[in-house]
Amino acid sequence: MEYTTVLDRLQTYVVSLFEGVSLSHLEYHNLSHTQAVVASVHKMAVKFNLNERDTFIVKAAAWFHDTGYVNGGVDAHEERGAQLATDFLQGHQVDAPTIDDIAGCILATKLPQTPQNLLQQIVCDADLYHFGTTDFFDNNKKMRKEAESRLGRKISKTEWNASTIQLLNSHSFKTDLCQKLLGQQKLINLNKLKEKETSLPVEPTAAPKKNKKADKPERGVETMFRVTSSNHQRLSDMADNKAHIMITTTSIIISVLLGVLFRMIEETPHLILPTSILLVVCVITMVFCILATRPKIPDGIFTQESVENKAVNLLFFGNFYRMPYDAYYNGMQEVMNDKEFLYANLIKDVYSQGVVLGRKYRLLRLAYNIFMFGIVVSVICFVVAAYMAQRSTF
């Protein structure tokens, strides 16, 4: 069976389900959440080295696990999602045991989660992956807004925090991988919630440094990246404009030299040397200006290993333009789900812009110096040649 083909069609189908109806009341259980769960499932499938069939099962379950919200409310949405998956997969000749496994993974996400095997554990952990990430509080706000829309009333922060604390206390990641990877951050998130509830004790954490990191002024940091990147872009545009001005200037001079003075060489042979010097100066200047503006593009390919090692900048098109969309999508999901990886990419992007700018301005400065001193030398040569020619006539 062509799992990749069916998965592509499945993805298109689920996206059309979410986009085909008005789901403005779903602040959290929407297409973005589904895509994040798929990305987390993919990450775990790679870590657990799942075979092609098992990878298909967990990814298909991830895509369908919240589709029950499309044709109903929160109650029994897992059952509706499993039925939608079953109907779709039967229409694409997927075998019955595989369909049953996919439905089982979807039903296992029902709270309290009760997974019976590794595949169900992977989907359950992917569904609540954000419990152990720094994005927890953003997602928690979305869940609160969605609950308010569903209940038709406002939910106080105290009431919501209490219910969220209860949920986190009762929850545990099912796979050893997520326990190790997300457990500490989940504890930090829980403690922050408890700090807001003075009646509840705060458990000590073993990672105070992470709290300091989480307390960084994120808006200020993001503003810094945005302003720096914008400034670099303006400097790059200025460098390109300077190069274009010089290219235009030297082109005009070269055209004049080739079109006018060379026809006068027989009559004025004494101008051969200064004309040749000026021509060489203009050509060299133009070459350096072209080098300053000529784009340098990498091979446009990255590997899954480079993503896992956080060794690739996915914000620069030169690192992914030859990659298939799915590979880039999965890579970007890993970037977005890992704040450290995200900021590392932003830092690399700013640094790379700076390296390119440094090269541009070095070449431009060299071109301007060559042109400036070359023009001076050429003019002096013209004056000397004219003077010598005048003396020879007497």
Protein backbone atom coordinates (compact mmCIF):
# COMPACT_ATOMS: atom_id res chain seq x y z
CA MET A 1 0.00 0.00 0.00
CA GLU A 2 1.24 3.50 -0.84
CA TYR A 3 1.11 5.02 2.63
CA THR A 4 2.60 8.33 1.47
CA THR A 5 -0.04 8.81 -1.22
CA VAL A 6 -2.91 8.04 1.17
CA LEU A 7 -1.40 10.31 3.82
CA ASP A 8 -1.17 13.19 1.33
CA ARG A 9 -4.82 12.76 0.37
CA LEU A 10 -5.77 12.39 4.02
CA GLN A 11 -4.01 15.65 4.88
CA THR A 12 -5.80 17.48 2.08
CA TYR A 13 -9.13 16.06 3.23
CA VAL A 14 -8.68 17.07 6.88
CA VAL A 15 -7.54 20.57 5.94
CA SER A 16 -10.62 20.95 3.75
CA LEU A 17 -12.80 19.80 6.67
CA PHE A 18 -11.48 22.53 8.95
CA GLU A 19 -11.50 25.21 6.26
CA GLY A 20 -14.90 24.27 4.86
CA VAL A 21 -16.98 25.39 7.83
CA SER A 22 -16.99 28.35 10.19
CA LEU A 23 -15.05 27.35 13.30
CA SER A 24 -14.48 30.75 14.86
CA HIS A 25 -15.55 29.34 18.23
CA LEU A 26 -12.62 26.91 18.19
CA GLU A 27 -9.80 29.01 19.55
CA TYR A 28 -7.69 25.95 20.34
CA HIS A 29 -9.03 22.74 18.76
CA ASN A 30 -8.54 23.97 15.21
CA LEU A 31 -6.32 23.25 12.21
CA SER A 32 -3.27 24.86 13.82
CA HIS A 33 -3.50 22.56 16.83
CA THR A 34 -3.94 19.55 14.55
CA GLN A 35 -0.85 20.49 12.55
CA ALA A 36 1.14 20.91 15.76
CA VAL A 37 0.06 17.43 16.93
CA VAL A 38 1.08 15.96 13.56
CA ALA A 39 4.50 17.60 13.89
CA SER A 40 4.94 16.18 17.41
CA VAL A 41 3.88 12.73 16.22
CA HIS A 42 6.39 12.92 13.38
CA LYS A 43 9.16 13.86 15.81
CA MET A 44 8.36 10.91 18.07
CA ALA A 45 7.99 8.49 15.15
CA VAL A 46 11.53 9.36 14.12
CA LYS A 47 12.83 9.02 17.68
CA PHE A 48 11.16 5.62 18.12
CA ASN A 49 12.27 4.52 14.64
CA LEU A 50 8.75 3.39 13.69
CA ASN A 51 8.28 1.41 10.49
CA GLU A 52 6.27 2.77 7.56
CA ARG A 53 2.94 1.25 8.63
CA ASP A 54 3.18 2.39 12.26
CA THR A 55 4.25 5.88 11.16
CA PHE A 56 1.20 6.02 8.89
CA ILE A 57 -1.05 4.95 11.77
CA VAL A 58 0.09 7.63 14.23
CA LYS A 59 0.12 10.38 11.61
CA ALA A 60 -3.35 9.49 10.32
CA ALA A 61 -4.66 9.40 13.89
CA ALA A 62 -3.06 12.78 14.60
CA TRP A 63 -4.73 14.34 11.56
CA PHE A 64 -8.18 12.96 12.47
CA HIS A 65 -8.06 13.12 16.28
CA ASP A 66 -9.98 16.44 16.56
CA THR A 67 -12.05 16.33 13.37
CA GLY A 68 -15.04 15.48 15.55
CA TYR A 69 -15.23 19.17 16.43
CA VAL A 70 -16.14 19.92 12.82
CA ASN A 71 -19.53 18.21 13.03
CA GLY A 72 -20.25 18.49 16.74
CA GLY A 73 -19.19 19.73 20.14
CA VAL A 74 -16.70 18.49 22.68
CA ASP A 75 -18.81 15.53 23.80
CA ALA A 76 -17.87 12.31 21.99
CA HIS A 77 -15.73 14.19 19.48
CA GLU A 78 -13.18 11.36 19.61
CA GLU A 79 -15.81 8.87 18.47
CA ARG A 80 -16.89 11.15 15.63
CA GLY A 81 -13.26 11.68 14.61
CA ALA A 82 -12.66 7.93 14.60
CA GLN A 83 -15.73 7.45 12.42
CA LEU A 84 -14.63 10.14 9.96
CA ALA A 85 -11.24 8.45 9.75
CA THR A 86 -12.82 5.05 9.21
CA ASP A 87 -15.08 6.30 6.42
CA PHE A 88 -12.21 8.05 4.64
CA LEU A 89 -9.75 5.15 4.93
CA GLN A 90 -12.28 2.57 3.79
CA GLY A 91 -12.82 4.67 0.69
CA HIS A 92 -9.08 4.47 -0.01
CA GLN A 93 -8.85 0.68 0.39
CA VAL A 94 -6.90 0.74 3.65
CA ASP A 95 -6.99 -2.67 5.33
CA ALA A 96 -9.29 -3.19 8.31
CA PRO A 97 -6.57 -3.89 10.94
CA THR A 98 -4.81 -0.61 10.09
CA ILE A 99 -8.10 1.30 10.29
CA ASP A 100 -8.83 -0.27 13.68
CA ASP A 101 -5.39 0.74 14.96
CA ILE A 102 -5.92 4.33 13.79
CA ALA A 103 -9.35 4.50 15.40
CA GLY A 104 -7.87 3.07 18.59
CA CYS A 105 -5.23 5.81 18.70
CA ILE A 106 -7.90 8.49 18.27
CA LEU A 107 -10.14 7.05 21.00
CA ALA A 108 -7.18 6.75 23.37
CA THR A 109 -6.88 10.57 23.46
CA LYS A 110 -10.15 10.82 25.37
CA LEU A 111 -9.56 12.18 28.88
CA PRO A 112 -8.49 10.53 31.06
CA GLN A 113 -6.13 9.06 28.48
CA THR A 114 -5.88 5.28 28.52
CA PRO A 115 -3.45 4.18 25.80
CA GLN A 116 -2.93 0.42 25.44
CA ASN A 117 0.20 0.31 23.27
CA LEU A 118 3.12 2.45 22.10
CA LEU A 119 1.30 3.91 19.08
CA GLN A 120 -1.59 5.08 21.24
CA GLN A 121 0.88 6.48 23.78
CA ILE A 122 2.60 8.49 21.04
CA VAL A 123 -0.66 10.06 19.84
CA CYS A 124 -1.78 10.81 23.43
CA ASP A 125 1.50 12.53 24.27
CA ALA A 126 1.45 14.47 21.00
CA ASP A 127 -2.08 15.71 21.73
CA LEU A 128 -0.98 17.22 25.07
CA TYR A 129 2.61 17.92 24.04
CA HIS A 130 2.27 21.60 24.90
CA PHE A 131 1.88 20.73 28.60
CA GLY A 132 5.66 20.39 28.67
CA THR A 133 6.67 23.35 26.50
CA THR A 134 7.07 27.08 27.00
CA ASP A 135 4.06 27.59 24.72
CA PHE A 136 1.80 26.15 27.41
CA PHE A 137 0.40 29.46 28.66
CA ASP A 138 -0.43 30.75 25.17
CA ASN A 139 -2.30 27.54 24.42
CA ASN A 140 -3.97 27.63 27.83
CA LYS A 141 -5.41 31.08 27.07
CA LYS A 142 -6.83 29.75 23.80
CA MET A 143 -8.39 26.80 25.61
CA ARG A 144 -9.99 29.17 28.10
CA LYS A 145 -11.49 31.34 25.34
CA GLU A 146 -12.82 28.24 23.61
CA ALA A 147 -14.39 27.02 26.86
CA GLU A 148 -16.03 30.42 27.37
CA SER A 149 -17.49 30.27 23.85
CA ARG A 150 -18.80 26.79 24.50
CA LEU A 151 -20.32 27.63 27.91
CA GLY A 152 -21.57 31.07 26.87
CA ARG A 153 -20.10 32.78 29.94
CA LYS A 154 -16.88 34.26 31.25
CA ILE A 155 -14.58 32.02 33.29
CA SER A 156 -12.59 33.75 36.01
CA LYS A 157 -8.85 33.31 36.12
CA THR A 158 -9.10 31.71 39.54
CA GLU A 159 -11.62 29.15 38.37
CA TRP A 160 -9.69 28.38 35.19
CA ASN A 161 -6.32 28.13 36.94
CA ALA A 162 -7.76 25.75 39.52
CA SER A 163 -9.18 23.44 36.85
CA THR A 164 -5.93 23.60 34.84
CA ILE A 165 -3.86 22.73 37.92
CA GLN A 166 -6.14 19.77 38.55
CA LEU A 167 -5.71 18.66 34.93
CA LEU A 168 -1.91 18.93 35.06
CA ASN A 169 -1.77 17.09 38.39
CA SER A 170 -3.82 14.22 37.01
CA HIS A 171 -1.91 14.05 33.74
CA SER A 172 1.28 12.14 33.04
CA PHE A 173 3.15 11.67 29.79
CA LYS A 174 2.86 8.09 28.59
CA THR A 175 6.14 7.58 26.75
CA ASP A 176 9.56 7.59 28.39
CA LEU A 177 10.69 10.01 25.69
CA CYS A 178 8.17 12.71 26.63
CA GLN A 179 8.64 12.12 30.34
CA LYS A 180 12.32 12.84 29.90
CA LEU A 181 11.94 15.62 27.31
CA LEU A 182 8.91 17.50 28.67
CA GLY A 183 8.56 16.53 32.31
CA GLN A 184 10.71 19.30 33.79
CA GLN A 185 9.06 22.09 31.79
CA LYS A 186 5.63 20.73 32.67
CA LEU A 187 6.57 20.99 36.37
CA ILE A 188 7.72 24.59 35.82
CA ASN A 189 4.39 25.40 34.13
CA LEU A 190 2.48 23.80 36.99
CA ASN A 191 4.42 25.74 39.60
CA LYS A 192 3.77 29.03 37.80
CA LEU A 193 0.05 28.31 37.92
CA LYS A 194 0.27 27.51 41.61
CA GLU A 195 2.11 30.76 42.27
CA LYS A 196 -1.03 32.53 41.09
CA GLU A 197 -3.12 30.54 43.54
CA THR A 198 -1.84 31.64 46.97
CA SER A 199 -3.86 28.98 48.71
CA LEU A 200 -1.89 26.25 46.99
CA PRO A 201 1.70 25.30 47.93
CA VAL A 202 4.44 25.77 45.36
CA GLU A 203 6.56 22.70 44.68
CA PRO A 204 10.30 23.36 44.42
CA THR A 205 11.81 22.98 41.00
CA ALA A 206 15.22 21.64 40.14
CA ALA A 207 15.78 24.11 37.36
CA PRO A 208 15.60 27.75 38.54
CA LYS A 209 17.66 28.78 35.54
CA LYS A 210 14.83 27.78 33.25
CA ASN A 211 12.47 30.02 35.19
CA LYS A 212 14.80 32.95 34.59
CA LYS A 213 14.93 32.10 30.92
CA ALA A 214 11.16 31.88 30.74
CA ASP A 215 10.91 35.29 32.41
CA LYS A 216 12.89 37.02 29.66
CA PRO A 217 11.15 40.04 28.14
CA GLU A 218 10.10 38.08 25.06
CA ARG A 219 8.35 41.01 23.39
CA GLY A 220 11.49 43.12 23.75
CA VAL A 221 13.64 40.30 22.36
CA GLU A 222 11.34 39.84 19.36
CA THR A 223 11.31 43.61 18.78
CA MET A 224 15.11 43.59 18.85
CA PHE A 225 15.24 40.86 16.19
CA ARG A 226 12.65 42.63 14.04
CA VAL A 227 14.38 46.02 14.21
CA THR A 228 17.84 44.53 13.61
CA SER A 229 16.66 42.52 10.63
CA SER A 230 14.88 45.57 9.21
CA ASN A 231 18.01 47.71 9.63
CA HIS A 232 20.14 45.08 7.92
CA GLN A 233 17.68 44.96 5.03
CA ARG A 234 17.84 48.75 4.62
CA LEU A 235 21.63 48.67 4.67
CA SER A 236 21.57 45.92 2.05
CA ASP A 237 19.28 48.00 -0.16
CA MET A 238 21.62 50.99 0.23
CA ALA A 239 24.60 48.85 -0.75
CA ASP A 240 22.76 47.58 -3.83
CA ASN A 241 21.82 51.13 -4.83
CA LYS A 242 25.43 52.29 -4.47
CA ALA A 243 26.60 49.36 -6.59
CA HIS A 244 23.99 50.09 -9.27
CA ILE A 245 25.03 53.75 -9.40
CA MET A 246 28.64 52.80 -9.91
CA ILE A 247 27.77 50.14 -12.50
CA THR A 248 25.73 52.72 -14.44
CA THR A 249 28.50 55.33 -14.22
CA THR A 250 31.25 52.99 -15.39
CA SER A 251 29.02 51.62 -18.16
CA ILE A 252 28.53 55.13 -19.56
CA ILE A 253 32.27 55.88 -19.41
CA ILE A 254 33.12 52.57 -21.10
CA SER A 255 30.56 53.26 -23.83
CA VAL A 256 32.09 56.69 -24.46
CA LEU A 257 35.61 55.28 -24.54
CA LEU A 258 34.72 52.51 -26.94
CA GLY A 259 32.44 54.62 -29.10
CA VAL A 260 34.32 57.92 -29.37
CA LEU A 261 37.92 57.95 -28.23
CA PHE A 262 39.02 54.74 -29.92
CA ARG A 263 37.98 56.20 -33.25
CA MET A 264 40.32 59.12 -32.55
CA ILE A 265 43.35 56.98 -31.67
CA GLU A 266 44.91 57.30 -35.15
CA GLU A 267 44.66 61.07 -34.95
CA THR A 268 45.69 61.30 -31.29
CA PRO A 269 47.97 58.34 -30.50
CA HIS A 270 49.21 60.08 -27.38
CA LEU A 271 45.81 59.35 -25.76
CA ILE A 272 46.18 55.56 -26.00
CA LEU A 273 47.80 55.15 -22.56
CA PRO A 274 45.44 57.37 -20.49
CA THR A 275 42.43 55.95 -22.37
CA SER A 276 43.55 52.39 -21.66
CA ILE A 277 44.11 53.21 -17.97
CA LEU A 278 40.63 54.72 -17.66
CA LEU A 279 39.08 51.74 -19.45
CA VAL A 280 40.82 49.24 -17.14
CA VAL A 281 39.80 51.22 -14.06
CA CYS A 282 36.15 51.26 -15.13
CA VAL A 283 36.12 47.54 -15.95
CA ILE A 284 37.70 46.57 -12.60
CA THR A 285 35.31 48.85 -10.72
CA MET A 286 32.34 47.33 -12.50
CA VAL A 287 33.53 43.79 -11.73
CA PHE A 288 33.77 44.50 -7.97
CA CYS A 289 30.34 46.17 -7.97
CA ILE A 290 28.82 43.17 -9.71
CA LEU A 291 30.50 40.84 -7.20
CA ALA A 292 29.00 42.92 -4.38
CA THR A 293 25.46 42.47 -5.72
CA ARG A 294 25.76 38.97 -7.17
CA PRO A 295 23.68 36.58 -5.01
CA LYS A 296 25.27 33.52 -3.47
CA ILE A 297 22.76 30.70 -2.99
CA PRO A 298 23.42 27.49 -0.98
CA ASP A 299 22.32 24.07 -2.22
CA GLY A 300 18.83 24.45 -0.65
CA ILE A 301 18.80 21.08 1.12
CA PHE A 302 18.74 20.15 4.81
CA THR A 303 18.54 16.80 6.58
CA GLN A 304 16.38 15.58 9.43
CA GLU A 305 19.56 15.09 11.43
CA SER A 306 20.50 18.76 11.00
CA VAL A 307 17.03 19.75 12.28
CA GLU A 308 17.33 17.45 15.29
CA ASN A 309 20.79 18.84 16.04
CA LYS A 310 19.50 22.41 15.58
CA ALA A 311 22.22 23.00 13.02
CA VAL A 312 20.17 24.54 10.20
CA ASN A 313 18.54 27.96 9.78
CA LEU A 314 15.09 27.32 8.29
CA LEU A 315 14.29 31.05 8.14
CA PHE A 316 16.64 31.52 5.17
CA PHE A 317 15.25 30.33 1.83
CA GLY A 318 18.68 29.20 0.63
CA ASN A 319 18.58 26.33 3.12
CA PHE A 320 15.29 24.77 2.00
CA TYR A 321 14.21 25.88 -1.50
CA ARG A 322 14.93 22.44 -2.99
CA MET A 323 13.21 20.51 -0.19
CA PRO A 324 9.68 19.06 -0.46
CA TYR A 325 6.99 20.97 1.41
CA ASP A 326 6.34 18.20 3.96
CA ALA A 327 9.99 18.12 5.04
CA TYR A 328 10.07 21.91 5.44
CA TYR A 329 6.72 21.93 7.24
CA ASN A 330 7.88 19.30 9.74
CA GLY A 331 11.15 21.15 10.25
CA MET A 332 9.38 24.46 10.91
CA GLN A 333 7.04 22.75 13.37
CA GLU A 334 10.10 21.63 15.32
CA VAL A 335 11.42 25.20 15.23
CA MET A 336 8.12 26.65 16.46
CA ASN A 337 7.72 24.04 19.20
CA ASP A 338 11.22 24.68 20.58
CA LYS A 339 11.81 28.26 21.72
CA GLU A 340 15.55 27.75 22.01
CA PHE A 341 15.66 26.43 18.43
CA LEU A 342 13.49 29.33 17.24
CA TYR A 343 15.73 31.99 18.78
CA ALA A 344 18.80 30.16 17.49
CA ASN A 345 17.36 30.44 13.97
CA LEU A 346 16.66 34.15 14.45
CA ILE A 347 20.20 34.70 15.72
CA LYS A 348 21.65 32.80 12.76
CA ASP A 349 19.49 34.82 10.38
CA VAL A 350 20.69 38.15 11.80
CA TYR A 351 24.30 36.94 11.83
CA SER A 352 24.08 35.70 8.23
CA GLN A 353 22.66 39.05 7.14
CA GLY A 354 25.59 40.76 8.86
CA VAL A 355 28.13 38.51 7.11
CA VAL A 356 26.58 39.25 3.72
CA LEU A 357 26.50 42.98 4.48
CA GLY A 358 30.16 42.92 5.50
CA ARG A 359 31.13 41.28 2.22
CA LYS A 360 29.03 43.73 0.19
CA TYR A 361 30.49 46.83 1.82
CA ARG A 362 34.07 45.53 1.61
CA LEU A 363 33.71 44.97 -2.12
CA LEU A 364 31.93 48.30 -2.58
CA ARG A 365 34.62 50.19 -0.68
CA LEU A 366 37.28 48.53 -2.82
CA ALA A 367 35.37 49.41 -6.00
CA TYR A 368 34.94 53.05 -4.96
CA ASN A 369 38.62 53.33 -4.02
CA ILE A 370 39.71 51.86 -7.35
CA PHE A 371 37.41 54.22 -9.22
CA MET A 372 38.44 57.29 -7.19
CA PHE A 373 42.20 56.77 -7.48
CA GLY A 374 41.86 55.45 -11.03
CA ILE A 375 40.04 58.57 -12.17
CA VAL A 376 42.72 60.77 -10.60
CA VAL A 377 45.51 58.83 -12.29
CA SER A 378 43.67 58.81 -15.63
CA VAL A 379 43.10 62.57 -15.57
CA ILE A 380 46.73 63.20 -14.73
CA CYS A 381 47.75 60.92 -17.61
CA PHE A 382 45.45 62.79 -19.99
CA VAL A 383 46.92 66.14 -18.90
CA VAL A 384 50.50 64.88 -19.25
CA ALA A 385 49.77 63.28 -22.64
CA ALA A 386 48.15 66.46 -23.93
CA TYR A 387 51.08 68.54 -22.65
CA MET A 388 53.65 66.23 -24.25
CA ALA A 389 51.75 66.22 -27.54
CA GLN A 390 51.60 70.01 -27.54
CA ARG A 391 55.35 70.33 -26.92
CA SER A 392 56.10 67.89 -29.73
CA THR A 393 54.27 70.06 -32.24
CA PHE A 394 56.64 73.00 -31.66
